[in-house]
Amino acid sequence: MQPRRAQWLLFLILSITGTNVSLALAEEGQFGTPKGTEGTRIFKATEHPFYSGKFRLKGGATHLVGSMRDQSPWDHLDYAGKHLAAVQGDIDIDVNELTNSGRVVARFVEGADHYRIVFDQFAAKQLFHDGGIATRVYEHGDSNNGDPLYPKTWLYLGGWGTATVFKNDEALYKDYDAHFMVMERSRNPETHQVQYPMTRSLPGGETDPAAMEIDLWVRSKEQNPNNFPPYETFIHLCWEEVTWR
């Protein structure tokens, strides 16, 4: 009898009789067999043979944190969820994580003004940025990646670099630092509150892995300690509906 056929026959007999079957009986390298101690660890995207690096997503249910008209001092992280405004708009993400290239375009309307953010220059400032666009990483909170101003969250996709903000088709802020995150949901869907920071009894961040959101930040290099975060300009939008295409 063929050795592999014999193994499957033994597996079937032991399964029928209720005997515990050890995967150690399976042939090393056989399809569906854990390799050594690999088990179910989270693999890097590039460890998948058919990984294309291409991500195409769209975000809806747009919220602007604060207002484009806010006068200092302001809070544009708004953990309490008191200053979010539902606005007309969307975000289109079409990037290649392997080549750190592509384009992110966000559009929204506030009052009579139309805004467009074009984010197409990606560059790394830290190792985990992986060249400017990264996937499958933790960021913020106590992750030791990025600043601690937001909860630790799993990034399905993130990008860092510079963007230009247009107001009524005229450049308002050119080549400002920018960051987008396709992430676990951080805000309560009813109150829009971010439960952060808080004393945690569990090691995960203050997010809900059962849902996701897209966040986009555009900020100036100029500082202003009266604002939170302490920048002269900090535009923050989030999208509660995420569609993968």
C-alpha atoms as a PDB file:
ATOM      1  CA  MET A   1       0.000   0.000   0.000  1.00  0.00           C
ATOM      2  CA  GLN A   2       1.262   3.512  -0.808  1.00  0.00           C
ATOM      3  CA  PRO A   3       2.664   5.243   2.368  1.00  0.00           C
ATOM      4  CA  ARG A   4       0.484   8.340   1.916  1.00  0.00           C
ATOM      5  CA  ARG A   5      -2.641   6.255   1.333  1.00  0.00           C
ATOM      6  CA  ALA A   6      -1.831   4.277   4.455  1.00  0.00           C
ATOM      7  CA  GLN A   7      -1.570   7.497   6.478  1.00  0.00           C
ATOM      8  CA  TRP A   8      -4.980   8.701   5.332  1.00  0.00           C
ATOM      9  CA  LEU A   9      -6.505   5.286   6.039  1.00  0.00           C
ATOM     10  CA  LEU A  10      -5.059   5.363   9.565  1.00  0.00           C
ATOM     11  CA  PHE A  11      -6.398   8.899  10.020  1.00  0.00           C
ATOM     12  CA  LEU A  12      -9.879   7.766   8.933  1.00  0.00           C
ATOM     13  CA  ILE A  13      -9.903   4.714  11.220  1.00  0.00           C
ATOM     14  CA  LEU A  14      -8.758   6.685  14.254  1.00  0.00           C
ATOM     15  CA  SER A  15     -11.282   9.438  13.538  1.00  0.00           C
ATOM     16  CA  ILE A  16     -14.171   6.966  13.333  1.00  0.00           C
ATOM     17  CA  THR A  17     -13.160   5.253  16.565  1.00  0.00           C
ATOM     18  CA  GLY A  18     -12.823   8.595  18.352  1.00  0.00           C
ATOM     19  CA  THR A  19      -9.119   8.184  18.982  1.00  0.00           C
ATOM     20  CA  ASN A  20      -7.130  11.420  19.212  1.00  0.00           C
ATOM     21  CA  VAL A  21      -5.148  11.892  16.014  1.00  0.00           C
ATOM     22  CA  SER A  22      -1.802  13.641  16.269  1.00  0.00           C
ATOM     23  CA  LEU A  23      -0.767  15.836  13.383  1.00  0.00           C
ATOM     24  CA  ALA A  24       2.714  14.541  14.060  1.00  0.00           C
ATOM     25  CA  LEU A  25       1.667  11.468  12.021  1.00  0.00           C
ATOM     26  CA  ALA A  26       1.274  13.654   8.934  1.00  0.00           C
ATOM     27  CA  GLU A  27       4.112  13.824   6.525  1.00  0.00           C
ATOM     28  CA  GLU A  28       6.276  16.940   6.845  1.00  0.00           C
ATOM     29  CA  GLY A  29       5.619  19.225   3.886  1.00  0.00           C
ATOM     30  CA  GLN A  30       2.256  17.660   3.069  1.00  0.00           C
ATOM     31  CA  PHE A  31      -0.474  20.104   2.012  1.00  0.00           C
ATOM     32  CA  GLY A  32      -2.352  21.438   5.037  1.00  0.00           C
ATOM     33  CA  THR A  33       0.314  20.337   7.494  1.00  0.00           C
ATOM     34  CA  PRO A  34       1.870  22.915   9.877  1.00  0.00           C
ATOM     35  CA  LYS A  35       5.557  23.414   9.162  1.00  0.00           C
ATOM     36  CA  GLY A  36       7.435  22.885  12.402  1.00  0.00           C
ATOM     37  CA  THR A  37       6.185  25.373  14.997  1.00  0.00           C
ATOM     38  CA  GLU A  38       4.673  27.784  12.462  1.00  0.00           C
ATOM     39  CA  GLY A  39       1.095  27.006  13.406  1.00  0.00           C
ATOM     40  CA  THR A  40      -1.245  29.931  12.866  1.00  0.00           C
ATOM     41  CA  ARG A  41       1.165  32.809  13.353  1.00  0.00           C
ATOM     42  CA  ILE A  42       0.399  35.957  11.369  1.00  0.00           C
ATOM     43  CA  PHE A  43       2.475  35.960   8.209  1.00  0.00           C
ATOM     44  CA  LYS A  44       3.860  38.997   6.482  1.00  0.00           C
ATOM     45  CA  ALA A  45       2.064  39.783   3.264  1.00  0.00           C
ATOM     46  CA  THR A  46       5.212  39.065   1.269  1.00  0.00           C
ATOM     47  CA  GLU A  47       5.281  35.498   2.645  1.00  0.00           C
ATOM     48  CA  HIS A  48       2.266  34.715   0.456  1.00  0.00           C
ATOM     49  CA  PRO A  49       3.308  33.563  -3.044  1.00  0.00           C
ATOM     50  CA  PHE A  50       0.451  35.318  -4.849  1.00  0.00           C
ATOM     51  CA  TYR A  51       0.620  38.642  -2.971  1.00  0.00           C
ATOM     52  CA  SER A  52       0.100  41.452  -5.507  1.00  0.00           C
ATOM     53  CA  GLY A  53       0.599  44.394  -3.158  1.00  0.00           C
ATOM     54  CA  LYS A  54      -2.361  46.153  -4.804  1.00  0.00           C
ATOM     55  CA  PHE A  55      -5.033  47.635  -2.548  1.00  0.00           C
ATOM     56  CA  ARG A  56      -8.203  49.303  -3.816  1.00  0.00           C
ATOM     57  CA  LEU A  57     -10.648  50.556  -1.196  1.00  0.00           C
ATOM     58  CA  LYS A  58     -13.372  53.126  -0.833  1.00  0.00           C
ATOM     59  CA  GLY A  59     -14.649  54.837   2.309  1.00  0.00           C
ATOM     60  CA  GLY A  60     -18.106  56.236   2.954  1.00  0.00           C
ATOM     61  CA  ALA A  61     -20.057  57.726   5.889  1.00  0.00           C
ATOM     62  CA  THR A  62     -17.545  60.579   6.099  1.00  0.00           C
ATOM     63  CA  HIS A  63     -16.938  62.471   9.333  1.00  0.00           C
ATOM     64  CA  LEU A  64     -14.832  65.587   9.828  1.00  0.00           C
ATOM     65  CA  VAL A  65     -13.313  65.881  13.292  1.00  0.00           C
ATOM     66  CA  GLY A  66     -13.753  69.502  14.294  1.00  0.00           C
ATOM     67  CA  SER A  67     -14.100  72.058  11.529  1.00  0.00           C
ATOM     68  CA  MET A  68     -11.953  73.629   8.843  1.00  0.00           C
ATOM     69  CA  ARG A  69     -13.047  76.945  10.362  1.00  0.00           C
ATOM     70  CA  ASP A  70     -11.920  76.225  13.930  1.00  0.00           C
ATOM     71  CA  GLN A  71      -9.933  78.918  15.707  1.00  0.00           C
ATOM     72  CA  SER A  72      -7.174  77.928  18.135  1.00  0.00           C
ATOM     73  CA  PRO A  73      -7.389  76.329  20.653  1.00  0.00           C
ATOM     74  CA  TRP A  74      -9.076  73.241  19.178  1.00  0.00           C
ATOM     75  CA  ASP A  75      -9.177  69.465  19.661  1.00  0.00           C
ATOM     76  CA  HIS A  76      -9.058  67.497  16.406  1.00  0.00           C
ATOM     77  CA  LEU A  77      -8.613  64.064  17.971  1.00  0.00           C
ATOM     78  CA  ASP A  78     -11.794  64.442  20.018  1.00  0.00           C
ATOM     79  CA  TYR A  79     -11.779  61.266  22.120  1.00  0.00           C
ATOM     80  CA  ALA A  80     -15.150  62.308  23.573  1.00  0.00           C
ATOM     81  CA  GLY A  81     -16.774  62.346  20.137  1.00  0.00           C
ATOM     82  CA  LYS A  82     -18.396  65.739  20.723  1.00  0.00           C
ATOM     83  CA  HIS A  83     -17.066  67.559  17.668  1.00  0.00           C
ATOM     84  CA  LEU A  84     -17.532  65.126  14.793  1.00  0.00           C
ATOM     85  CA  ALA A  85     -19.611  66.339  11.889  1.00  0.00           C
ATOM     86  CA  ALA A  86     -21.114  64.037   9.268  1.00  0.00           C
ATOM     87  CA  VAL A  87     -20.211  65.592   5.927  1.00  0.00           C
ATOM     88  CA  GLN A  88     -20.781  64.709   2.286  1.00  0.00           C
ATOM     89  CA  GLY A  89     -17.694  63.046   0.890  1.00  0.00           C
ATOM     90  CA  ASP A  90     -15.678  59.874   0.324  1.00  0.00           C
ATOM     91  CA  ILE A  91     -12.156  58.532   0.022  1.00  0.00           C
ATOM     92  CA  ASP A  92     -10.599  56.431  -2.730  1.00  0.00           C
ATOM     93  CA  ILE A  93      -7.472  54.400  -2.025  1.00  0.00           C
ATOM     94  CA  ASP A  94      -5.589  52.856  -4.944  1.00  0.00           C
ATOM     95  CA  VAL A  95      -2.036  51.967  -3.907  1.00  0.00           C
ATOM     96  CA  ASN A  96       0.637  49.321  -4.320  1.00  0.00           C
ATOM     97  CA  GLU A  97       2.260  48.356  -1.034  1.00  0.00           C
ATOM     98  CA  LEU A  98       5.188  46.628  -2.737  1.00  0.00           C
ATOM     99  CA  THR A  99       6.223  49.670  -4.770  1.00  0.00           C
ATOM    100  CA  ASN A 100       5.089  52.300  -2.218  1.00  0.00           C
ATOM    101  CA  SER A 101       3.172  54.093  -4.931  1.00  0.00           C
ATOM    102  CA  GLY A 102      -0.348  55.041  -5.872  1.00  0.00           C
ATOM    103  CA  ARG A 103      -2.899  57.637  -4.957  1.00  0.00           C
ATOM    104  CA  VAL A 104      -5.308  58.426  -2.139  1.00  0.00           C
ATOM    105  CA  VAL A 105      -7.980  61.038  -2.858  1.00  0.00           C
ATOM    106  CA  ALA A 106     -10.395  62.292  -0.201  1.00  0.00           C
ATOM    107  CA  ARG A 107     -13.274  64.662  -0.950  1.00  0.00           C
ATOM    108  CA  PHE A 108     -15.622  66.394   1.437  1.00  0.00           C
ATOM    109  CA  VAL A 109     -17.914  69.389   1.671  1.00  0.00           C
ATOM    110  CA  GLU A 110     -18.249  71.786   4.586  1.00  0.00           C
ATOM    111  CA  GLY A 111     -20.796  74.540   4.167  1.00  0.00           C
ATOM    112  CA  ALA A 112     -20.348  76.083   0.725  1.00  0.00           C
ATOM    113  CA  ASP A 113     -16.752  74.914   0.390  1.00  0.00           C
ATOM    114  CA  HIS A 114     -15.519  71.822  -1.422  1.00  0.00           C
ATOM    115  CA  TYR A 115     -12.274  70.218  -0.269  1.00  0.00           C
ATOM    116  CA  ARG A 116     -10.062  67.625  -1.931  1.00  0.00           C
ATOM    117  CA  ILE A 117      -6.989  65.967  -0.431  1.00  0.00           C
ATOM    118  CA  VAL A 118      -4.543  64.355  -2.852  1.00  0.00           C
ATOM    119  CA  PHE A 119      -2.051  62.045  -1.142  1.00  0.00           C
ATOM    120  CA  ASP A 120       0.336  60.504  -3.670  1.00  0.00           C
ATOM    121  CA  GLN A 121       3.822  61.003  -2.240  1.00  0.00           C
ATOM    122  CA  PHE A 122       4.770  58.152   0.094  1.00  0.00           C
ATOM    123  CA  ALA A 123       7.973  57.976   2.125  1.00  0.00           C
ATOM    124  CA  ALA A 124       9.149  56.263   5.301  1.00  0.00           C
ATOM    125  CA  LYS A 125      10.356  58.100   8.385  1.00  0.00           C
ATOM    126  CA  GLN A 126      10.403  55.017  10.589  1.00  0.00           C
ATOM    127  CA  LEU A 127      11.315  51.401   9.932  1.00  0.00           C
ATOM    128  CA  PHE A 128       7.760  50.076  10.345  1.00  0.00           C
ATOM    129  CA  HIS A 129       6.578  52.440   7.575  1.00  0.00           C
ATOM    130  CA  ASP A 130       8.156  49.908   5.203  1.00  0.00           C
ATOM    131  CA  GLY A 131       9.043  52.443   2.520  1.00  0.00           C
ATOM    132  CA  GLY A 132       5.914  54.585   2.923  1.00  0.00           C
ATOM    133  CA  ILE A 133       3.052  52.073   2.648  1.00  0.00           C
ATOM    134  CA  ALA A 134       2.728  49.118   5.025  1.00  0.00           C
ATOM    135  CA  THR A 135       0.273  46.342   5.774  1.00  0.00           C
ATOM    136  CA  ARG A 136      -0.292  44.066   8.778  1.00  0.00           C
ATOM    137  CA  VAL A 137       1.309  46.176  11.513  1.00  0.00           C
ATOM    138  CA  TYR A 138       0.281  47.585  14.890  1.00  0.00           C
ATOM    139  CA  GLU A 139       0.542  51.332  15.405  1.00  0.00           C
ATOM    140  CA  HIS A 140      -0.089  53.945  18.114  1.00  0.00           C
ATOM    141  CA  GLY A 141      -0.912  53.372  21.772  1.00  0.00           C
ATOM    142  CA  ASP A 142       1.662  51.138  23.470  1.00  0.00           C
ATOM    143  CA  SER A 143       2.691  49.396  20.234  1.00  0.00           C
ATOM    144  CA  ASN A 144       6.048  51.232  20.106  1.00  0.00           C
ATOM    145  CA  ASN A 145       5.144  52.206  16.531  1.00  0.00           C
ATOM    146  CA  GLY A 146       4.158  55.809  15.923  1.00  0.00           C
ATOM    147  CA  ASP A 147       2.971  58.304  18.511  1.00  0.00           C
ATOM    148  CA  PRO A 148       0.743  57.349  21.473  1.00  0.00           C
ATOM    149  CA  LEU A 149      -2.001  59.872  20.631  1.00  0.00           C
ATOM    150  CA  TYR A 150      -4.423  57.200  19.406  1.00  0.00           C
ATOM    151  CA  PRO A 151      -5.253  53.678  20.630  1.00  0.00           C
ATOM    152  CA  LYS A 152      -3.069  50.784  19.607  1.00  0.00           C
ATOM    153  CA  THR A 153      -4.699  49.472  16.467  1.00  0.00           C
ATOM    154  CA  TRP A 154      -4.096  46.839  13.817  1.00  0.00           C
ATOM    155  CA  LEU A 155      -3.471  48.435  10.444  1.00  0.00           C
ATOM    156  CA  TYR A 156      -4.778  46.419   7.535  1.00  0.00           C
ATOM    157  CA  LEU A 157      -3.071  49.140   5.518  1.00  0.00           C
ATOM    158  CA  GLY A 158      -1.308  52.398   6.336  1.00  0.00           C
ATOM    159  CA  GLY A 159       0.532  55.123   4.455  1.00  0.00           C
ATOM    160  CA  TRP A 160       2.865  57.988   5.348  1.00  0.00           C
ATOM    161  CA  GLY A 161       4.159  60.871   3.269  1.00  0.00           C
ATOM    162  CA  THR A 162       2.876  64.226   2.031  1.00  0.00           C
ATOM    163  CA  ALA A 163      -0.421  65.469   0.628  1.00  0.00           C
ATOM    164  CA  THR A 164      -1.891  68.639  -0.832  1.00  0.00           C
ATOM    165  CA  VAL A 165      -5.244  70.013   0.321  1.00  0.00           C
ATOM    166  CA  PHE A 166      -7.378  71.901  -2.202  1.00  0.00           C
ATOM    167  CA  LYS A 167     -10.204  74.259  -1.263  1.00  0.00           C
ATOM    168  CA  ASN A 168     -12.595  74.971  -4.140  1.00  0.00           C
ATOM    169  CA  ASP A 169      -9.911  73.647  -6.543  1.00  0.00           C
ATOM    170  CA  GLU A 170      -7.192  75.992  -5.259  1.00  0.00           C
ATOM    171  CA  ALA A 171      -4.236  74.672  -3.244  1.00  0.00           C
ATOM    172  CA  LEU A 172      -4.742  75.508   0.427  1.00  0.00           C
ATOM    173  CA  TYR A 173      -1.956  73.436   2.026  1.00  0.00           C
ATOM    174  CA  LYS A 174       0.772  72.074  -0.239  1.00  0.00           C
ATOM    175  CA  ASP A 175       2.975  69.075   0.609  1.00  0.00           C
ATOM    176  CA  TYR A 176       1.857  68.761   4.227  1.00  0.00           C
ATOM    177  CA  ASP A 177       2.688  65.662   6.264  1.00  0.00           C
ATOM    178  CA  ALA A 178      -0.047  63.054   5.863  1.00  0.00           C
ATOM    179  CA  HIS A 179      -0.995  59.637   7.201  1.00  0.00           C
ATOM    180  CA  PHE A 180      -3.868  57.293   6.369  1.00  0.00           C
ATOM    181  CA  MET A 181      -4.957  54.152   8.216  1.00  0.00           C
ATOM    182  CA  VAL A 182      -7.319  51.342   7.284  1.00  0.00           C
ATOM    183  CA  MET A 183      -7.760  50.134  10.826  1.00  0.00           C
ATOM    184  CA  GLU A 184      -9.897  48.443  13.447  1.00  0.00           C
ATOM    185  CA  ARG A 185     -12.841  50.558  14.526  1.00  0.00           C
ATOM    186  CA  SER A 186     -11.779  53.009  17.218  1.00  0.00           C
ATOM    187  CA  ARG A 187     -15.032  54.927  17.776  1.00  0.00           C
ATOM    188  CA  ASN A 188     -18.286  53.778  19.305  1.00  0.00           C
ATOM    189  CA  PRO A 189     -20.754  53.687  16.377  1.00  0.00           C
ATOM    190  CA  GLU A 190     -23.462  55.377  18.451  1.00  0.00           C
ATOM    191  CA  THR A 191     -21.576  57.997  20.489  1.00  0.00           C
ATOM    192  CA  HIS A 192     -18.399  58.312  18.336  1.00  0.00           C
ATOM    193  CA  GLN A 193     -16.413  58.203  21.546  1.00  0.00           C
ATOM    194  CA  VAL A 194     -12.893  56.747  21.573  1.00  0.00           C
ATOM    195  CA  GLN A 195     -12.359  54.850  24.845  1.00  0.00           C
ATOM    196  CA  TYR A 196      -8.801  56.083  25.222  1.00  0.00           C
ATOM    197  CA  PRO A 197      -6.664  56.253  27.201  1.00  0.00           C
ATOM    198  CA  MET A 198      -7.852  53.780  29.806  1.00  0.00           C
ATOM    199  CA  THR A 199      -6.437  51.265  32.267  1.00  0.00           C
ATOM    200  CA  ARG A 200      -6.502  47.961  30.424  1.00  0.00           C
ATOM    201  CA  SER A 201      -6.747  44.449  31.796  1.00  0.00           C
ATOM    202  CA  LEU A 202      -6.221  42.954  28.331  1.00  0.00           C
ATOM    203  CA  PRO A 203      -3.216  43.567  26.068  1.00  0.00           C
ATOM    204  CA  GLY A 204      -5.089  44.630  22.913  1.00  0.00           C
ATOM    205  CA  GLY A 205      -5.766  48.271  22.084  1.00  0.00           C
ATOM    206  CA  GLU A 206      -9.004  50.112  22.788  1.00  0.00           C
ATOM    207  CA  THR A 207     -10.482  49.169  19.416  1.00  0.00           C
ATOM    208  CA  ASP A 208     -13.136  46.815  18.067  1.00  0.00           C
ATOM    209  CA  PRO A 209     -11.712  44.190  15.666  1.00  0.00           C
ATOM    210  CA  ALA A 210     -15.269  43.317  14.584  1.00  0.00           C
ATOM    211  CA  ALA A 211     -15.382  46.426  12.387  1.00  0.00           C
ATOM    212  CA  MET A 212     -13.049  48.815  10.625  1.00  0.00           C
ATOM    213  CA  GLU A 213     -12.679  52.442   9.640  1.00  0.00           C
ATOM    214  CA  ILE A 214     -10.405  54.654   7.576  1.00  0.00           C
ATOM    215  CA  ASP A 215      -8.682  57.647   9.158  1.00  0.00           C
ATOM    216  CA  LEU A 216      -6.721  60.380   7.373  1.00  0.00           C
ATOM    217  CA  TRP A 217      -4.584  63.060   8.996  1.00  0.00           C
ATOM    218  CA  VAL A 218      -2.919  66.038   7.301  1.00  0.00           C
ATOM    219  CA  ARG A 219      -0.771  68.249   9.492  1.00  0.00           C
ATOM    220  CA  SER A 220       1.634  71.151   9.352  1.00  0.00           C
ATOM    221  CA  LYS A 221       5.227  71.103  10.523  1.00  0.00           C
ATOM    222  CA  GLU A 222       4.519  74.272  12.534  1.00  0.00           C
ATOM    223  CA  GLN A 223       3.650  73.581  16.161  1.00  0.00           C
ATOM    224  CA  ASN A 224       1.015  75.198  18.361  1.00  0.00           C
ATOM    225  CA  PRO A 225       0.909  73.932  21.963  1.00  0.00           C
ATOM    226  CA  ASN A 226      -2.585  75.385  22.433  1.00  0.00           C
ATOM    227  CA  ASN A 227      -4.041  72.817  20.048  1.00  0.00           C
ATOM    228  CA  PHE A 228      -4.502  69.066  20.368  1.00  0.00           C
ATOM    229  CA  PRO A 229      -2.557  67.567  18.713  1.00  0.00           C
ATOM    230  CA  PRO A 230      -0.082  70.453  19.073  1.00  0.00           C
ATOM    231  CA  TYR A 231       0.115  71.534  15.421  1.00  0.00           C
ATOM    232  CA  GLU A 232      -0.837  74.794  13.770  1.00  0.00           C
ATOM    233  CA  THR A 233      -2.897  72.769  11.280  1.00  0.00           C
ATOM    234  CA  PHE A 234      -4.299  69.269  11.800  1.00  0.00           C
ATOM    235  CA  ILE A 235      -7.061  68.028   9.492  1.00  0.00           C
ATOM    236  CA  HIS A 236      -8.650  64.759  10.618  1.00  0.00           C
ATOM    237  CA  LEU A 237     -11.312  62.787   8.779  1.00  0.00           C
ATOM    238  CA  CYS A 238     -12.681  59.304   9.325  1.00  0.00           C
ATOM    239  CA  TRP A 239     -14.883  57.012   7.254  1.00  0.00           C
ATOM    240  CA  GLU A 240     -17.114  54.502   9.013  1.00  0.00           C
ATOM    241  CA  GLU A 241     -17.949  52.427   5.928  1.00  0.00           C
ATOM    242  CA  VAL A 242     -15.121  50.557   4.217  1.00  0.00           C
ATOM    243  CA  THR A 243     -15.476  48.764   0.894  1.00  0.00           C
ATOM    244  CA  TRP A 244     -12.736  46.557  -0.555  1.00  0.00           C
ATOM    245  CA  ARG A 245     -12.720  46.450  -4.346  1.00  0.00           C
END
